[in-house]
PDB file of N, CA and C in Angstrom:
ATOM      1  N   MET A   1      57.335  77.451 202.742  1.00  0.00           N
ATOM      2  CA  MET A   1      56.880  78.745 202.913  1.00  0.00           C
ATOM      3  C   MET A   1      57.569  79.680 201.973  1.00  0.00           C
ATOM      4  N   GLN A   2      58.730  79.313 201.365  1.00  0.00           N
ATOM      5  CA  GLN A   2      59.299  80.149 200.281  1.00  0.00           C
ATOM      6  C   GLN A   2      58.455  79.808 199.000  1.00  0.00           C
ATOM      7  N   MET A   3      57.930  78.704 198.733  1.00  0.00           N
ATOM      8  CA  MET A   3      57.124  78.316 197.616  1.00  0.00           C
ATOM      9  C   MET A   3      55.817  79.031 197.735  1.00  0.00           C
ATOM     10  N   ILE A   4      55.343  79.288 198.681  1.00  0.00           N
ATOM     11  CA  ILE A   4      53.911  79.920 199.018  1.00  0.00           C
ATOM     12  C   ILE A   4      54.183  81.499 198.557  1.00  0.00           C
ATOM     13  N   THR A   5      55.107  82.005 199.155  1.00  0.00           N
ATOM     14  CA  THR A   5      55.457  83.354 198.876  1.00  0.00           C
ATOM     15  C   THR A   5      55.817  83.662 197.357  1.00  0.00           C
ATOM     16  N   LEU A   6      56.534  82.728 196.655  1.00  0.00           N
ATOM     17  CA  LEU A   6      56.827  82.990 195.244  1.00  0.00           C
ATOM     18  C   LEU A   6      55.333  82.768 194.677  1.00  0.00           C
ATOM     19  N   THR A   7      54.495  81.944 194.926  1.00  0.00           N
ATOM     20  CA  THR A   7      53.340  81.675 194.279  1.00  0.00           C
ATOM     21  C   THR A   7      52.504  82.875 194.521  1.00  0.00           C
ATOM     22  N   LEU A   8      52.291  83.447 195.764  1.00  0.00           N
ATOM     23  CA  LEU A   8      51.624  84.580 196.132  1.00  0.00           C
ATOM     24  C   LEU A   8      52.087  85.700 195.234  1.00  0.00           C
ATOM     25  N   ALA A   9      53.163  86.017 195.227  1.00  0.00           N
ATOM     26  CA  ALA A   9      53.923  87.187 194.474  1.00  0.00           C
ATOM     27  C   ALA A   9      53.480  86.916 192.921  1.00  0.00           C
ATOM     28  N   LEU A  10      53.497  85.831 192.399  1.00  0.00           N
ATOM     29  CA  LEU A  10      53.081  85.615 190.960  1.00  0.00           C
ATOM     30  C   LEU A  10      51.560  85.837 190.813  1.00  0.00           C
ATOM     31  N   VAL A  11      50.723  85.392 191.721  1.00  0.00           N
ATOM     32  CA  VAL A  11      49.462  85.656 191.600  1.00  0.00           C
ATOM     33  C   VAL A  11      49.182  87.182 191.602  1.00  0.00           C
ATOM     34  N   LEU A  12      49.745  87.871 192.711  1.00  0.00           N
ATOM     35  CA  LEU A  12      49.413  89.301 192.680  1.00  0.00           C
ATOM     36  C   LEU A  12      49.965  90.013 191.514  1.00  0.00           C
ATOM     37  N   ALA A  13      51.145  89.615 190.922  1.00  0.00           N
ATOM     38  CA  ALA A  13      51.601  90.349 189.970  1.00  0.00           C
ATOM     39  C   ALA A  13      50.644  89.959 188.632  1.00  0.00           C
ATOM     40  N   ALA A  14      50.111  88.840 188.479  1.00  0.00           N
ATOM     41  CA  ALA A  14      49.228  88.698 187.345  1.00  0.00           C
ATOM     42  C   ALA A  14      47.936  89.268 187.536  1.00  0.00           C
ATOM     43  N   THR A  15      47.517  89.584 188.784  1.00  0.00           N
ATOM     44  CA  THR A  15      46.044  90.309 188.839  1.00  0.00           C
ATOM     45  C   THR A  15      46.346  91.636 189.145  1.00  0.00           C
ATOM     46  N   ALA A  16      47.541  92.219 189.244  1.00  0.00           N
ATOM     47  CA  ALA A  16      47.563  93.730 189.557  1.00  0.00           C
ATOM     48  C   ALA A  16      47.310  94.236 188.317  1.00  0.00           C
ATOM     49  N   PRO A  17      46.633  95.496 188.200  1.00  0.00           N
ATOM     50  CA  PRO A  17      46.325  96.255 187.138  1.00  0.00           C
ATOM     51  C   PRO A  17      47.586  96.713 186.580  1.00  0.00           C
ATOM     52  N   GLU A  18      47.761  96.667 185.179  1.00  0.00           N
ATOM     53  CA  GLU A  18      49.003  97.054 184.527  1.00  0.00           C
ATOM     54  C   GLU A  18      48.860  98.383 184.285  1.00  0.00           C
ATOM     55  N   ALA A  19      50.044  99.344 184.420  1.00  0.00           N
ATOM     56  CA  ALA A  19      49.811 100.744 184.197  1.00  0.00           C
ATOM     57  C   ALA A  19      49.887 100.769 182.726  1.00  0.00           C
ATOM     58  N   GLN A  20      48.622 101.157 182.004  1.00  0.00           N
ATOM     59  CA  GLN A  20      48.517 101.185 180.828  1.00  0.00           C
ATOM     60  C   GLN A  20      48.269 102.848 180.267  1.00  0.00           C
ATOM     61  N   PRO A  21      48.600 103.373 179.354  1.00  0.00           N
ATOM     62  CA  PRO A  21      48.482 104.765 179.066  1.00  0.00           C
ATOM     63  C   PRO A  21      46.924 104.907 178.938  1.00  0.00           C
ATOM     64  N   ALA A  22      46.543 106.051 179.102  1.00  0.00           N
ATOM     65  CA  ALA A  22      45.070 106.237 179.106  1.00  0.00           C
ATOM     66  C   ALA A  22      44.582 106.299 177.646  1.00  0.00           C
ATOM     67  N   GLU A  23      43.483 105.775 177.441  1.00  0.00           N
ATOM     68  CA  GLU A  23      43.098 105.586 176.074  1.00  0.00           C
ATOM     69  C   GLU A  23      42.740 107.049 175.508  1.00  0.00           C
ATOM     70  N   VAL A  24      43.191 107.165 174.364  1.00  0.00           N
ATOM     71  CA  VAL A  24      42.912 108.459 173.536  1.00  0.00           C
ATOM     72  C   VAL A  24      41.870 108.145 172.582  1.00  0.00           C
ATOM     73  N   SER A  25      40.885 109.261 172.599  1.00  0.00           N
ATOM     74  CA  SER A  25      39.977 108.993 171.446  1.00  0.00           C
ATOM     75  C   SER A  25      40.503 109.408 170.210  1.00  0.00           C
ATOM     76  N   PRO A  26      39.948 108.970 168.950  1.00  0.00           N
ATOM     77  CA  PRO A  26      40.489 109.490 167.772  1.00  0.00           C
ATOM     78  C   PRO A  26      40.206 111.047 167.627  1.00  0.00           C
ATOM     79  N   GLU A  27      39.277 111.581 168.166  1.00  0.00           N
ATOM     80  CA  GLU A  27      38.967 113.070 168.182  1.00  0.00           C
ATOM     81  C   GLU A  27      40.094 113.749 169.034  1.00  0.00           C
ATOM     82  N   GLU A  28      40.553 113.182 170.246  1.00  0.00           N
ATOM     83  CA  GLU A  28      41.637 113.852 170.832  1.00  0.00           C
ATOM     84  C   GLU A  28      42.795 113.793 170.226  1.00  0.00           C
ATOM     85  N   GLU A  29      43.111 112.662 169.707  1.00  0.00           N
ATOM     86  CA  GLU A  29      44.364 112.313 168.753  1.00  0.00           C
ATOM     87  C   GLU A  29      44.342 113.410 167.586  1.00  0.00           C
ATOM     88  N   ARG A  30      43.282 113.558 166.963  1.00  0.00           N
ATOM     89  CA  ARG A  30      43.136 114.476 165.913  1.00  0.00           C
ATOM     90  C   ARG A  30      43.302 115.910 166.318  1.00  0.00           C
ATOM     91  N   ALA A  31      42.710 116.166 167.321  1.00  0.00           N
ATOM     92  CA  ALA A  31      42.818 117.538 167.800  1.00  0.00           C
ATOM     93  C   ALA A  31      44.312 117.936 168.313  1.00  0.00           C
ATOM     94  N   GLU A  32      45.009 116.857 168.760  1.00  0.00           N
ATOM     95  CA  GLU A  32      46.313 117.177 169.160  1.00  0.00           C
ATOM     96  C   GLU A  32      47.304 117.320 167.965  1.00  0.00           C
ATOM     97  N   LEU A  33      46.968 116.506 166.963  1.00  0.00           N
ATOM     98  CA  LEU A  33      47.724 116.598 165.555  1.00  0.00           C
ATOM     99  C   LEU A  33      47.630 117.883 165.008  1.00  0.00           C
ATOM    100  N   ASN A  34      46.276 118.279 165.077  1.00  0.00           N
ATOM    101  CA  ASN A  34      45.831 119.662 164.507  1.00  0.00           C
ATOM    102  C   ASN A  34      46.692 120.712 165.246  1.00  0.00           C
ATOM    103  N   ARG A  35      46.574 120.591 166.455  1.00  0.00           N
ATOM    104  CA  ARG A  35      47.433 121.618 167.292  1.00  0.00           C
ATOM    105  C   ARG A  35      48.862 121.703 167.109  1.00  0.00           C
ATOM    106  N   GLN A  36      49.541 120.484 166.803  1.00  0.00           N
ATOM    107  CA  GLN A  36      50.937 120.457 166.418  1.00  0.00           C
ATOM    108  C   GLN A  36      51.032 121.214 165.085  1.00  0.00           C
ATOM    109  N   GLN A  37      50.205 120.663 164.214  1.00  0.00           N
ATOM    110  CA  GLN A  37      50.358 121.129 162.698  1.00  0.00           C
ATOM    111  C   GLN A  37      50.364 122.788 162.781  1.00  0.00           C
ATOM    112  N   ALA A  38      49.273 123.370 163.531  1.00  0.00           N
ATOM    113  CA  ALA A  38      49.034 124.856 163.644  1.00  0.00           C
ATOM    114  C   ALA A  38      50.331 125.354 164.136  1.00  0.00           C
ATOM    115  N   GLU A  39      50.914 124.822 165.253  1.00  0.00           N
ATOM    116  CA  GLU A  39      52.127 125.275 165.918  1.00  0.00           C
ATOM    117  C   GLU A  39      53.146 125.365 164.769  1.00  0.00           C
ATOM    118  N   LEU A  40      53.267 124.282 163.983  1.00  0.00           N
ATOM    119  CA  LEU A  40      54.479 124.042 162.951  1.00  0.00           C
ATOM    120  C   LEU A  40      54.292 125.301 161.806  1.00  0.00           C
ATOM    121  N   ALA A  41      52.922 125.350 161.569  1.00  0.00           N
ATOM    122  CA  ALA A  41      52.626 126.369 160.547  1.00  0.00           C
ATOM    123  C   ALA A  41      52.991 127.839 161.044  1.00  0.00           C
ATOM    124  N   GLN A  42      52.674 128.025 162.087  1.00  0.00           N
ATOM    125  CA  GLN A  42      52.894 129.430 162.734  1.00  0.00           C
ATOM    126  C   GLN A  42      54.301 129.659 162.819  1.00  0.00           C
ATOM    127  N   LYS A  43      55.202 128.745 163.166  1.00  0.00           N
ATOM    128  CA  LYS A  43      56.692 128.799 163.171  1.00  0.00           C
ATOM    129  C   LYS A  43      57.025 129.164 161.832  1.00  0.00           C
ATOM    130  N   GLN A  44      56.618 128.358 160.829  1.00  0.00           N
ATOM    131  CA  GLN A  44      57.030 128.680 159.390  1.00  0.00           C
ATOM    132  C   GLN A  44      56.679 129.996 158.822  1.00  0.00           C
ATOM    133  N   LEU A  45      55.500 130.379 159.311  1.00  0.00           N
ATOM    134  CA  LEU A  45      55.048 131.795 158.827  1.00  0.00           C
ATOM    135  C   LEU A  45      56.145 132.890 159.550  1.00  0.00           C
ATOM    136  N   GLU A  46      56.298 132.675 160.829  1.00  0.00           N
ATOM    137  CA  GLU A  46      57.378 133.541 161.375  1.00  0.00           C
ATOM    138  C   GLU A  46      58.563 133.617 160.835  1.00  0.00           C
ATOM    139  N   GLN A  47      59.092 132.287 160.639  1.00  0.00           N
ATOM    140  CA  GLN A  47      60.346 132.347 159.552  1.00  0.00           C
ATOM    141  C   GLN A  47      60.348 132.876 158.408  1.00  0.00           C
ATOM    142  N   ASN A  48      59.179 132.758 157.575  1.00  0.00           N
ATOM    143  CA  ASN A  48      58.877 133.427 156.225  1.00  0.00           C
ATOM    144  C   ASN A  48      59.083 134.753 156.327  1.00  0.00           C
ATOM    145  N   ALA A  49      58.423 135.412 157.453  1.00  0.00           N
ATOM    146  CA  ALA A  49      58.425 136.885 157.737  1.00  0.00           C
ATOM    147  C   ALA A  49      59.743 137.400 157.934  1.00  0.00           C
ATOM    148  N   ALA A  50      60.572 136.674 158.711  1.00  0.00           N
ATOM    149  CA  ALA A  50      61.998 136.993 159.145  1.00  0.00           C
ATOM    150  C   ALA A  50      62.674 136.943 157.659  1.00  0.00           C
ATOM    151  N   ASN A  51      62.596 135.904 157.024  1.00  0.00           N
ATOM    152  CA  ASN A  51      63.369 135.771 155.759  1.00  0.00           C
ATOM    153  C   ASN A  51      63.102 136.881 154.773  1.00  0.00           C
ATOM    154  N   GLN A  52      61.788 137.236 154.742  1.00  0.00           N
ATOM    155  CA  GLN A  52      61.262 138.352 153.856  1.00  0.00           C
ATOM    156  C   GLN A  52      61.953 139.764 154.406  1.00  0.00           C
ATOM    157  N   GLU A  53      62.015 139.987 155.529  1.00  0.00           N
ATOM    158  CA  GLU A  53      62.665 141.173 156.121  1.00  0.00           C
ATOM    159  C   GLU A  53      64.119 141.255 155.910  1.00  0.00           C
ATOM    160  N   ALA A  54      64.902 140.084 155.801  1.00  0.00           N
ATOM    161  CA  ALA A  54      66.077 140.008 155.686  1.00  0.00           C
ATOM    162  C   ALA A  54      66.582 140.384 154.182  1.00  0.00           C
ATOM    163  N   VAL A  55      65.506 139.756 153.376  1.00  0.00           N
ATOM    164  CA  VAL A  55      65.791 139.852 151.824  1.00  0.00           C
ATOM    165  C   VAL A  55      65.534 141.642 151.607  1.00  0.00           C
ATOM    166  N   ARG A  56      64.600 142.144 152.197  1.00  0.00           N
ATOM    167  CA  ARG A  56      64.087 143.567 152.016  1.00  0.00           C
ATOM    168  C   ARG A  56      65.417 144.340 152.452  1.00  0.00           C
ATOM    169  N   ALA A  57      65.935 144.031 153.612  1.00  0.00           N
ATOM    170  CA  ALA A  57      67.090 144.779 154.353  1.00  0.00           C
ATOM    171  C   ALA A  57      68.454 144.518 153.335  1.00  0.00           C
ATOM    172  N   HIS A  58      68.416 143.426 152.836  1.00  0.00           N
ATOM    173  CA  HIS A  58      69.634 143.316 151.788  1.00  0.00           C
ATOM    174  C   HIS A  58      69.380 144.097 150.524  1.00  0.00           C
ATOM    175  N   GLU A  59      68.107 144.050 150.051  1.00  0.00           N
ATOM    176  CA  GLU A  59      67.886 144.936 148.899  1.00  0.00           C
ATOM    177  C   GLU A  59      68.033 146.440 149.127  1.00  0.00           C
ATOM    178  N   GLU A  60      67.707 146.911 150.228  1.00  0.00           N
ATOM    179  CA  GLU A  60      68.047 148.289 150.500  1.00  0.00           C
ATOM    180  C   GLU A  60      69.382 148.493 150.648  1.00  0.00           C
ATOM    181  N   ALA A  61      70.228 147.605 151.152  1.00  0.00           N
ATOM    182  CA  ALA A  61      71.843 147.880 151.349  1.00  0.00           C
ATOM    183  C   ALA A  61      72.365 147.919 149.883  1.00  0.00           C
ATOM    184  N   VAL A  62      71.752 147.021 148.943  1.00  0.00           N
ATOM    185  CA  VAL A  62      72.403 146.922 147.622  1.00  0.00           C
ATOM    186  C   VAL A  62      71.886 148.207 147.039  1.00  0.00           C
ATOM    187  N   LYS A  63      70.902 148.808 147.158  1.00  0.00           N
ATOM    188  CA  LYS A  63      70.316 150.155 146.472  1.00  0.00           C
ATOM    189  C   LYS A  63      71.322 151.233 147.065  1.00  0.00           C
ATOM    190  N   ALA A  64      71.347 151.094 148.250  1.00  0.00           N
ATOM    191  CA  ALA A  64      72.473 152.331 148.942  1.00  0.00           C
ATOM    192  C   ALA A  64      73.822 152.246 148.315  1.00  0.00           C
ATOM    193  N   TYR A  65      74.369 150.955 148.251  1.00  0.00           N
ATOM    194  CA  TYR A  65      75.649 150.657 147.783  1.00  0.00           C
ATOM    195  C   TYR A  65      75.574 151.060 146.254  1.00  0.00           C
ATOM    196  N   GLU A  66      74.859 150.839 145.417  1.00  0.00           N
ATOM    197  CA  GLU A  66      74.708 151.158 144.082  1.00  0.00           C
ATOM    198  C   GLU A  66      74.500 152.710 143.889  1.00  0.00           C
ATOM    199  N   ALA A  67      73.838 153.336 144.808  1.00  0.00           N
ATOM    200  CA  ALA A  67      73.767 154.843 144.739  1.00  0.00           C
ATOM    201  C   ALA A  67      75.035 155.547 145.087  1.00  0.00           C
ATOM    202  N   GLU A  68      75.705 154.935 146.073  1.00  0.00           N
ATOM    203  CA  GLU A  68      76.914 155.657 146.439  1.00  0.00           C
ATOM    204  C   GLU A  68      78.052 155.347 145.277  1.00  0.00           C
ATOM    205  N   LYS A  69      77.881 154.184 144.882  1.00  0.00           N
ATOM    206  CA  LYS A  69      78.891 153.725 143.657  1.00  0.00           C
ATOM    207  C   LYS A  69      78.728 154.914 142.576  1.00  0.00           C
ATOM    208  N   ALA A  70      77.530 155.141 142.253  1.00  0.00           N
ATOM    209  CA  ALA A  70      77.260 155.823 141.145  1.00  0.00           C
ATOM    210  C   ALA A  70      77.558 157.480 141.476  1.00  0.00           C
ATOM    211  N   ARG A  71      77.384 157.960 142.716  1.00  0.00           N
ATOM    212  CA  ARG A  71      77.867 159.167 143.151  1.00  0.00           C
ATOM    213  C   ARG A  71      79.325 159.180 143.142  1.00  0.00           C
ATOM    214  N   VAL A  72      80.061 158.343 143.573  1.00  0.00           N
ATOM    215  CA  VAL A  72      81.388 158.504 143.452  1.00  0.00           C
ATOM    216  C   VAL A  72      81.820 158.264 141.973  1.00  0.00           C
ATOM    217  N   GLU A  73      81.428 157.572 141.193  1.00  0.00           N
ATOM    218  CA  GLU A  73      81.709 157.643 139.671  1.00  0.00           C
ATOM    219  C   GLU A  73      81.500 158.939 139.153  1.00  0.00           C
ATOM    220  N   ARG A  74      80.229 159.658 139.390  1.00  0.00           N
ATOM    221  CA  ARG A  74      80.127 160.976 139.019  1.00  0.00           C
ATOM    222  C   ARG A  74      81.092 161.962 139.336  1.00  0.00           C
ATOM    223  N   ALA A  75      81.555 161.869 140.794  1.00  0.00           N
ATOM    224  CA  ALA A  75      82.373 162.724 141.151  1.00  0.00           C
ATOM    225  C   ALA A  75      83.836 162.625 140.655  1.00  0.00           C
ATOM    226  N   HIS A  76      84.081 161.281 140.258  1.00  0.00           N
ATOM    227  CA  HIS A  76      85.315 161.193 139.677  1.00  0.00           C
ATOM    228  C   HIS A  76      85.363 161.711 138.075  1.00  0.00           C
ATOM    229  N   GLN A  77      84.338 161.397 137.599  1.00  0.00           N
ATOM    230  CA  GLN A  77      84.065 161.902 136.191  1.00  0.00           C
ATOM    231  C   GLN A  77      84.169 163.318 135.997  1.00  0.00           C
ATOM    232  N   GLU A  78      83.655 164.137 137.082  1.00  0.00           N
ATOM    233  CA  GLU A  78      83.599 165.601 137.168  1.00  0.00           C
ATOM    234  C   GLU A  78      85.086 165.944 137.381  1.00  0.00           C
ATOM    235  N   ALA A  79      85.700 165.241 138.397  1.00  0.00           N
ATOM    236  CA  ALA A  79      87.084 165.600 138.605  1.00  0.00           C
ATOM    237  C   ALA A  79      88.012 165.494 137.371  1.00  0.00           C
ATOM    238  N   MET A  80      87.750 164.378 136.772  1.00  0.00           N
ATOM    239  CA  MET A  80      88.701 164.168 135.545  1.00  0.00           C
ATOM    240  C   MET A  80      88.364 165.181 134.489  1.00  0.00           C
ATOM    241  N   ALA A  81      87.191 165.581 134.245  1.00  0.00           N
ATOM    242  CA  ALA A  81      86.676 166.600 133.198  1.00  0.00           C
ATOM    243  C   ALA A  81      87.515 167.851 133.697  1.00  0.00           C
ATOM    244  N   LYS A  82      87.371 168.271 134.923  1.00  0.00           N
ATOM    245  CA  LYS A  82      88.150 169.467 135.302  1.00  0.00           C
ATOM    246  C   LYS A  82      89.385 169.427 134.998  1.00  0.00           C
ATOM    247  N   TRP A  83      90.051 168.402 135.443  1.00  0.00           N
ATOM    248  CA  TRP A  83      91.505 168.260 135.355  1.00  0.00           C
ATOM    249  C   TRP A  83      91.800 168.288 133.898  1.00  0.00           C
ATOM    250  N   GLN A  84      91.285 167.605 132.806  1.00  0.00           N
ATOM    251  CA  GLN A  84      91.469 167.637 131.459  1.00  0.00           C
ATOM    252  C   GLN A  84      91.269 169.064 130.911  1.00  0.00           C
ATOM    253  N   ALA A  85      90.340 169.775 131.286  1.00  0.00           N
ATOM    254  CA  ALA A  85      90.048 171.238 130.984  1.00  0.00           C
ATOM    255  C   ALA A  85      91.271 172.084 131.546  1.00  0.00           C
ATOM    256  N   ASP A  86      91.770 172.018 132.727  1.00  0.00           N
ATOM    257  CA  ASP A  86      92.922 172.684 133.199  1.00  0.00           C
ATOM    258  C   ASP A  86      94.018 172.428 132.485  1.00  0.00           C
ATOM    259  N   VAL A  87      94.331 171.191 132.104  1.00  0.00           N
ATOM    260  CA  VAL A  87      95.562 170.723 131.362  1.00  0.00           C
ATOM    261  C   VAL A  87      95.502 171.434 130.095  1.00  0.00           C
ATOM    262  N   ALA A  88      94.329 171.415 129.370  1.00  0.00           N
ATOM    263  CA  ALA A  88      94.181 171.897 128.100  1.00  0.00           C
ATOM    264  C   ALA A  88      94.411 173.592 127.964  1.00  0.00           C
ATOM    265  N   ALA A  89      93.849 173.992 129.243  1.00  0.00           N
ATOM    266  CA  ALA A  89      93.994 175.533 129.181  1.00  0.00           C
ATOM    267  C   ALA A  89      95.527 175.844 129.520  1.00  0.00           C
ATOM    268  N   CYS A  90      96.158 175.095 130.417  1.00  0.00           N
ATOM    269  CA  CYS A  90      97.428 175.325 130.803  1.00  0.00           C
ATOM    270  C   CYS A  90      98.307 175.267 129.577  1.00  0.00           C
ATOM    271  N   GLN A  91      98.163 174.214 128.635  1.00  0.00           N
ATOM    272  CA  GLN A  91      98.865 174.051 127.507  1.00  0.00           C
ATOM    273  C   GLN A  91      98.452 175.120 126.482  1.00  0.00           C
ATOM    274  N   ALA A  92      97.457 175.626 126.608  1.00  0.00           N
ATOM    275  CA  ALA A  92      97.057 176.807 125.621  1.00  0.00           C
ATOM    276  C   ALA A  92      97.584 178.220 126.029  1.00  0.00           C
ATOM    277  N   GLY A  93      98.209 178.080 127.284  1.00  0.00           N
ATOM    278  CA  GLY A  93      98.915 179.352 127.774  1.00  0.00           C
ATOM    279  C   GLY A  93      98.167 179.916 129.014  1.00  0.00           C
ATOM    280  N   ASP A  94      97.008 179.288 129.361  1.00  0.00           N
ATOM    281  CA  ASP A  94      96.462 179.858 130.616  1.00  0.00           C
ATOM    282  C   ASP A  94      97.034 179.429 131.817  1.00  0.00           C
ATOM    283  N   ARG A  95      98.393 180.111 132.353  1.00  0.00           N
ATOM    284  CA  ARG A  95      99.089 179.638 133.378  1.00  0.00           C
ATOM    285  C   ARG A  95      98.369 179.639 134.835  1.00  0.00           C
ATOM    286  N   GLY A  96      97.200 180.357 134.960  1.00  0.00           N
ATOM    287  CA  GLY A  96      96.461 180.339 136.182  1.00  0.00           C
ATOM    288  C   GLY A  96      95.955 179.014 136.461  1.00  0.00           C
ATOM    289  N   ARG A  97      95.659 178.236 135.418  1.00  0.00           N
ATOM    290  CA  ARG A  97      95.108 176.790 135.322  1.00  0.00           C
ATOM    291  C   ARG A  97      96.235 175.627 135.440  1.00  0.00           C
ATOM    292  N   CYS A  98      97.371 175.932 135.510  1.00  0.00           N
ATOM    293  CA  CYS A  98      98.398 175.115 135.470  1.00  0.00           C
ATOM    294  C   CYS A  98      98.647 174.577 136.956  1.00  0.00           C
ATOM    295  N   VAL A  99      98.927 173.277 137.168  1.00  0.00           N
ATOM    296  CA  VAL A  99      99.164 172.825 138.579  1.00  0.00           C
ATOM    297  C   VAL A  99     100.637 173.315 138.730  1.00  0.00           C
ATOM    298  N   PRO A 100     100.722 174.075 140.068  1.00  0.00           N
ATOM    299  CA  PRO A 100     102.077 174.620 140.564  1.00  0.00           C
ATOM    300  C   PRO A 100     102.972 173.434 140.749  1.00  0.00           C
ATOM    301  N   ARG A 101     104.125 173.713 140.565  1.00  0.00           N
ATOM    302  CA  ARG A 101     105.200 172.497 140.582  1.00  0.00           C
ATOM    303  C   ARG A 101     106.200 172.683 141.961  1.00  0.00           C
TER     304      ARG A 101
END
C-alpha cells in the first residue's frame, strides 16, 4: 500500500502542471523596458531641475554677499577718509574736528 501511494504521488507530481511564469511577448517586454527608461529619464530631469535651482540660489547668495561686502568696504573707506580729514584738520588747528579726550 505504501508503495502504491508513493508511486501515485510521483505520477501526480510528474503530470501536474508546473507553475510557470506567463509568457511575455517581446513587444510587452520592450514596452515595459521603455516605461522603465521613461521613468528613469523623468527622475533625472527632475533631479537636473533641482540641481539647476540649487546652483541659481547659490549664485544669488554669492552676488548678495559680494554686494554687501562692497557696501561695507565703501563705508569703511568713507569713514577712513573722514577720519583722516578730521585728523589733518585738527592738526592744522581746527579744534572742532579733533576727537574729544
